[in-house]
Amino acid sequence: MEPVEINAGTWYLRALRADDRIDDRPALADGGITDPDYVARRTAQWAEETNFSWAVCEPTTAELVAEIVVTPGADDTAELTGWARPGYETALDTGTTAVRRFVEGGLGLRLR
């Protein structure tokens, strides 16, 4: 599956990136994620449909302020997790609500 972008009102959700236009790795490091292959792994997981992840971003700058991850289970369930940079807990809450709707309505999965 190709990554799905979600408009969550005041926040924009997109796939993680590390390219010549946007590099999420510094923001990920603020969240304690320093693995240099993290973004590539998350991209591959979308294609394999083993995990779906979203960078919750400030819409005017595209800066990552939180990450949401959905892990499908063996049945029709999924686990939703996430983290936010300090001061951006509201962005995580808003993004989680939007992802929850997508997972249940768009993917047909029940969140555990």
N, C-alpha and C. Protein backbone atom coordinates (compact mmCIF):
# COMPACT_ATOMS: atom_id res chain seq x y z
N MET A 1 0.84 -1.17 0.00
CA MET A 1 0.00 0.00 0.00
C MET A 1 0.89 1.24 0.00
N GLU A 2 0.46 2.24 -0.73
CA GLU A 2 1.14 3.53 -0.72
C GLU A 2 0.75 4.28 0.55
N PRO A 3 1.64 5.09 1.10
CA PRO A 3 1.28 5.88 2.29
C PRO A 3 0.08 6.79 2.02
N VAL A 4 -0.75 6.93 3.03
CA VAL A 4 -1.96 7.73 2.95
C VAL A 4 -1.76 9.00 3.77
N GLU A 5 -2.01 10.14 3.16
CA GLU A 5 -1.92 11.42 3.86
C GLU A 5 -3.29 11.73 4.46
N ILE A 6 -3.28 12.35 5.63
CA ILE A 6 -4.51 12.66 6.34
C ILE A 6 -4.47 14.12 6.78
N ASN A 7 -5.54 14.85 6.50
CA ASN A 7 -5.69 16.20 7.00
C ASN A 7 -6.44 16.12 8.32
N ALA A 8 -5.80 16.50 9.40
CA ALA A 8 -6.42 16.43 10.73
C ALA A 8 -6.72 17.84 11.25
N GLY A 9 -7.22 18.68 10.39
CA GLY A 9 -7.56 20.05 10.80
C GLY A 9 -6.32 20.90 10.93
N THR A 10 -5.90 21.16 12.15
CA THR A 10 -4.74 22.03 12.37
C THR A 10 -3.42 21.30 12.17
N TRP A 11 -3.47 19.99 11.94
CA TRP A 11 -2.25 19.19 11.74
C TRP A 11 -2.37 18.39 10.46
N TYR A 12 -1.25 18.12 9.87
CA TYR A 12 -1.17 17.38 8.61
C TYR A 12 -0.39 16.10 8.88
N LEU A 13 -0.94 14.97 8.45
CA LEU A 13 -0.29 13.67 8.66
C LEU A 13 0.19 13.13 7.33
N ARG A 14 1.45 12.73 7.29
CA ARG A 14 2.07 12.22 6.07
C ARG A 14 3.07 11.13 6.44
N ALA A 15 3.57 10.45 5.42
CA ALA A 15 4.61 9.45 5.65
C ALA A 15 5.90 10.12 6.12
N LEU A 16 6.70 9.39 6.86
CA LEU A 16 8.01 9.89 7.25
C LEU A 16 8.87 10.11 6.01
N ARG A 17 9.76 11.10 6.08
CA ARG A 17 10.62 11.39 4.92
C ARG A 17 12.04 11.68 5.37
N ALA A 18 12.96 11.36 4.49
CA ALA A 18 14.38 11.72 4.66
C ALA A 18 14.93 11.87 3.26
N ASP A 19 14.66 13.02 2.65
CA ASP A 19 15.10 13.26 1.27
C ASP A 19 15.64 14.68 1.16
N ASP A 20 15.85 15.14 -0.07
CA ASP A 20 16.44 16.46 -0.26
C ASP A 20 15.48 17.61 0.06
N ARG A 21 14.19 17.32 0.23
CA ARG A 21 13.22 18.38 0.55
C ARG A 21 12.83 18.41 2.03
N ILE A 22 12.62 17.22 2.61
CA ILE A 22 12.22 17.12 4.01
C ILE A 22 13.02 16.00 4.66
N ASP A 23 13.58 16.29 5.82
CA ASP A 23 14.34 15.28 6.55
C ASP A 23 13.80 15.23 7.99
N ASP A 24 13.06 14.17 8.29
CA ASP A 24 12.46 14.01 9.61
C ASP A 24 13.43 13.48 10.66
N ARG A 25 14.62 13.06 10.26
CA ARG A 25 15.54 12.43 11.21
C ARG A 25 15.92 13.31 12.40
N PRO A 26 16.16 14.62 12.25
CA PRO A 26 16.45 15.44 13.44
C PRO A 26 15.27 15.47 14.43
N ALA A 27 14.06 15.57 13.92
CA ALA A 27 12.88 15.58 14.80
C ALA A 27 12.69 14.21 15.45
N LEU A 28 12.96 13.15 14.70
CA LEU A 28 12.89 11.80 15.28
C LEU A 28 13.90 11.65 16.40
N ALA A 29 15.09 12.20 16.21
CA ALA A 29 16.12 12.13 17.25
C ALA A 29 15.64 12.84 18.52
N ASP A 30 14.88 13.94 18.38
CA ASP A 30 14.31 14.61 19.54
C ASP A 30 13.37 13.67 20.31
N GLY A 31 12.79 12.71 19.59
CA GLY A 31 11.92 11.72 20.21
C GLY A 31 12.65 10.47 20.65
N GLY A 32 13.99 10.48 20.54
CA GLY A 32 14.79 9.35 20.98
C GLY A 32 15.03 8.30 19.91
N ILE A 33 14.62 8.57 18.68
CA ILE A 33 14.79 7.60 17.58
C ILE A 33 15.98 8.04 16.75
N THR A 34 17.09 7.33 16.88
CA THR A 34 18.33 7.72 16.21
C THR A 34 18.80 6.72 15.16
N ASP A 35 18.04 5.66 14.94
CA ASP A 35 18.41 4.65 13.94
C ASP A 35 18.42 5.30 12.56
N PRO A 36 19.56 5.29 11.84
CA PRO A 36 19.62 5.95 10.53
C PRO A 36 18.72 5.29 9.47
N ASP A 37 18.31 4.04 9.70
CA ASP A 37 17.45 3.33 8.74
C ASP A 37 15.97 3.38 9.10
N TYR A 38 15.64 4.13 10.13
CA TYR A 38 14.26 4.15 10.64
C TYR A 38 13.25 4.59 9.57
N VAL A 39 13.53 5.67 8.87
CA VAL A 39 12.59 6.19 7.87
C VAL A 39 12.46 5.18 6.72
N ALA A 40 13.55 4.62 6.26
CA ALA A 40 13.50 3.63 5.17
C ALA A 40 12.70 2.40 5.60
N ARG A 41 12.87 1.97 6.85
CA ARG A 41 12.14 0.81 7.35
C ARG A 41 10.64 1.11 7.40
N ARG A 42 10.29 2.29 7.89
CA ARG A 42 8.87 2.66 7.94
C ARG A 42 8.26 2.72 6.54
N THR A 43 9.02 3.21 5.57
CA THR A 43 8.55 3.26 4.18
C THR A 43 8.30 1.85 3.65
N ALA A 44 9.23 0.94 3.90
CA ALA A 44 9.09 -0.45 3.46
C ALA A 44 7.89 -1.11 4.14
N GLN A 45 7.64 -0.77 5.38
CA GLN A 45 6.52 -1.37 6.10
C GLN A 45 5.18 -0.97 5.50
N TRP A 46 5.07 0.24 4.97
CA TRP A 46 3.85 0.62 4.25
C TRP A 46 3.65 -0.32 3.07
N ALA A 47 4.69 -0.53 2.28
CA ALA A 47 4.59 -1.39 1.10
C ALA A 47 4.23 -2.83 1.47
N GLU A 48 4.80 -3.30 2.59
CA GLU A 48 4.54 -4.67 3.05
C GLU A 48 3.24 -4.79 3.85
N GLU A 49 2.66 -3.65 4.20
CA GLU A 49 1.44 -3.56 5.02
C GLU A 49 1.62 -4.23 6.39
N THR A 50 2.83 -4.08 6.95
CA THR A 50 3.10 -4.63 8.28
C THR A 50 3.00 -3.58 9.37
N ASN A 51 3.21 -2.33 9.03
CA ASN A 51 3.03 -1.17 9.92
C ASN A 51 2.68 0.02 9.06
N PHE A 52 1.84 0.88 9.59
CA PHE A 52 1.50 2.13 8.92
C PHE A 52 1.89 3.25 9.89
N SER A 53 2.67 4.21 9.41
CA SER A 53 3.13 5.27 10.29
C SER A 53 2.88 6.64 9.66
N TRP A 54 2.64 7.59 10.53
CA TRP A 54 2.39 8.96 10.09
C TRP A 54 3.24 9.93 10.89
N ALA A 55 3.82 10.88 10.21
CA ALA A 55 4.44 12.03 10.85
C ALA A 55 3.32 13.05 11.02
N VAL A 56 3.08 13.46 12.25
CA VAL A 56 2.12 14.53 12.51
C VAL A 56 2.91 15.82 12.39
N CYS A 57 2.48 16.67 11.46
CA CYS A 57 3.30 17.83 11.09
C CYS A 57 2.57 19.15 11.23
N GLU A 58 3.36 20.16 11.49
CA GLU A 58 2.91 21.54 11.43
C GLU A 58 2.65 21.80 9.95
N PRO A 59 1.43 22.20 9.55
CA PRO A 59 1.11 22.30 8.13
C PRO A 59 1.88 23.36 7.35
N THR A 60 2.34 24.42 7.99
CA THR A 60 3.03 25.48 7.23
C THR A 60 4.51 25.18 7.02
N THR A 61 5.10 24.38 7.91
CA THR A 61 6.54 24.08 7.78
C THR A 61 6.83 22.62 7.47
N ALA A 62 5.84 21.74 7.63
CA ALA A 62 5.98 20.29 7.46
C ALA A 62 6.89 19.67 8.52
N GLU A 63 7.16 20.39 9.61
CA GLU A 63 8.02 19.87 10.68
C GLU A 63 7.28 18.79 11.47
N LEU A 64 7.94 17.65 11.65
CA LEU A 64 7.38 16.55 12.42
C LEU A 64 7.35 16.93 13.89
N VAL A 65 6.16 16.79 14.51
CA VAL A 65 6.02 17.07 15.93
C VAL A 65 5.58 15.83 16.71
N ALA A 66 5.13 14.80 16.01
CA ALA A 66 4.70 13.56 16.64
C ALA A 66 4.70 12.46 15.58
N GLU A 67 4.64 11.22 16.04
CA GLU A 67 4.53 10.08 15.12
C GLU A 67 3.46 9.14 15.65
N ILE A 68 2.67 8.62 14.72
CA ILE A 68 1.63 7.64 15.03
C ILE A 68 1.92 6.39 14.23
N VAL A 69 1.83 5.23 14.87
CA VAL A 69 2.11 3.95 14.21
C VAL A 69 0.94 3.01 14.46
N VAL A 70 0.49 2.36 13.39
CA VAL A 70 -0.55 1.34 13.49
C VAL A 70 0.07 0.01 13.06
N THR A 71 -0.08 -0.99 13.92
CA THR A 71 0.44 -2.32 13.64
C THR A 71 -0.73 -3.29 13.51
N PRO A 72 -1.01 -3.77 12.28
CA PRO A 72 -2.10 -4.73 12.11
C PRO A 72 -1.76 -6.06 12.78
N GLY A 73 -2.80 -6.70 13.32
CA GLY A 73 -2.63 -8.00 13.94
C GLY A 73 -2.92 -9.12 12.96
N ALA A 74 -2.89 -10.35 13.44
CA ALA A 74 -3.15 -11.52 12.60
C ALA A 74 -4.63 -11.61 12.23
N ASP A 75 -5.49 -11.02 13.05
CA ASP A 75 -6.92 -11.00 12.76
C ASP A 75 -7.29 -9.63 12.22
N ASP A 76 -8.50 -9.20 12.42
CA ASP A 76 -8.94 -7.89 11.92
C ASP A 76 -8.77 -6.79 12.96
N THR A 77 -7.70 -6.89 13.75
CA THR A 77 -7.43 -5.88 14.77
C THR A 77 -6.11 -5.19 14.47
N ALA A 78 -5.87 -4.12 15.19
CA ALA A 78 -4.61 -3.38 15.05
C ALA A 78 -4.31 -2.67 16.36
N GLU A 79 -3.04 -2.40 16.57
CA GLU A 79 -2.60 -1.64 17.73
C GLU A 79 -2.16 -0.26 17.26
N LEU A 80 -2.57 0.77 17.96
CA LEU A 80 -2.21 2.15 17.64
C LEU A 80 -1.32 2.68 18.76
N THR A 81 -0.14 3.18 18.38
CA THR A 81 0.78 3.78 19.34
C THR A 81 1.27 5.11 18.79
N GLY A 82 1.88 5.89 19.63
CA GLY A 82 2.43 7.16 19.16
C GLY A 82 3.24 7.85 20.24
N TRP A 83 3.93 8.87 19.82
CA TRP A 83 4.73 9.69 20.73
C TRP A 83 4.75 11.11 20.18
N ALA A 84 5.00 12.05 21.07
CA ALA A 84 5.05 13.45 20.66
C ALA A 84 6.30 14.11 21.22
N ARG A 85 6.82 15.06 20.48
CA ARG A 85 7.90 15.90 21.00
C ARG A 85 7.32 16.73 22.14
N PRO A 86 8.15 17.11 23.10
CA PRO A 86 7.65 17.90 24.23
C PRO A 86 6.87 19.13 23.77
N GLY A 87 5.68 19.30 24.35
CA GLY A 87 4.84 20.44 24.03
C GLY A 87 3.85 20.19 22.90
N TYR A 88 3.90 19.02 22.28
CA TYR A 88 3.05 18.73 21.14
C TYR A 88 2.08 17.57 21.40
N GLU A 89 1.72 17.36 22.64
CA GLU A 89 0.80 16.28 23.00
C GLU A 89 -0.57 16.46 22.35
N THR A 90 -1.01 17.72 22.21
CA THR A 90 -2.29 18.00 21.56
C THR A 90 -2.27 17.56 20.10
N ALA A 91 -1.15 17.76 19.42
CA ALA A 91 -1.02 17.31 18.03
C ALA A 91 -1.15 15.80 17.95
N LEU A 92 -0.54 15.10 18.89
CA LEU A 92 -0.64 13.64 18.92
C LEU A 92 -2.09 13.22 19.15
N ASP A 93 -2.79 13.86 20.08
CA ASP A 93 -4.18 13.52 20.35
C ASP A 93 -5.06 13.75 19.13
N THR A 94 -4.88 14.89 18.48
CA THR A 94 -5.68 15.20 17.28
C THR A 94 -5.37 14.23 16.16
N GLY A 95 -4.09 13.96 15.94
CA GLY A 95 -3.69 13.01 14.90
C GLY A 95 -4.18 11.62 15.17
N THR A 96 -4.14 11.20 16.43
CA THR A 96 -4.60 9.86 16.79
C THR A 96 -6.09 9.70 16.49
N THR A 97 -6.87 10.71 16.74
CA THR A 97 -8.30 10.65 16.44
C THR A 97 -8.52 10.46 14.93
N ALA A 98 -7.79 11.20 14.12
CA ALA A 98 -7.93 11.09 12.67
C ALA A 98 -7.46 9.72 12.17
N VAL A 99 -6.35 9.22 12.69
CA VAL A 99 -5.84 7.91 12.28
C VAL A 99 -6.82 6.81 12.70
N ARG A 100 -7.36 6.94 13.89
CA ARG A 100 -8.35 5.95 14.37
C ARG A 100 -9.51 5.83 13.38
N ARG A 101 -10.03 6.98 12.93
CA ARG A 101 -11.13 6.96 11.95
C ARG A 101 -10.70 6.27 10.66
N PHE A 102 -9.48 6.57 10.19
CA PHE A 102 -8.99 5.96 8.95
C PHE A 102 -8.82 4.45 9.11
N VAL A 103 -8.23 4.03 10.21
CA VAL A 103 -7.98 2.60 10.43
C VAL A 103 -9.30 1.83 10.49
N GLU A 104 -10.26 2.36 11.22
CA GLU A 104 -11.54 1.66 11.36
C GLU A 104 -12.38 1.75 10.09
N GLY A 105 -12.45 2.93 9.48
CA GLY A 105 -13.29 3.09 8.29
C GLY A 105 -12.61 2.70 7.00
N GLY A 106 -11.35 3.12 6.81
CA GLY A 106 -10.63 2.87 5.57
C GLY A 106 -10.00 1.51 5.47
N LEU A 107 -9.48 1.01 6.58
CA LEU A 107 -8.81 -0.29 6.56
C LEU A 107 -9.69 -1.40 7.11
N GLY A 108 -10.79 -1.04 7.76
CA GLY A 108 -11.70 -2.05 8.31
C GLY A 108 -11.11 -2.83 9.47
N LEU A 109 -10.21 -2.20 10.23
CA LEU A 109 -9.58 -2.89 11.36
C LEU A 109 -10.16 -2.35 12.68
N ARG A 110 -10.27 -3.21 13.67
CA ARG A 110 -10.69 -2.81 15.01
C ARG A 110 -9.43 -2.55 15.84
N LEU A 111 -9.39 -1.42 16.49
CA LEU A 111 -8.23 -1.10 17.34
C LEU A 111 -8.38 -1.79 18.68
N ARG A 112 -7.28 -2.38 19.13
CA ARG A 112 -7.28 -3.06 20.44
C ARG A 112 -7.03 -2.05 21.53
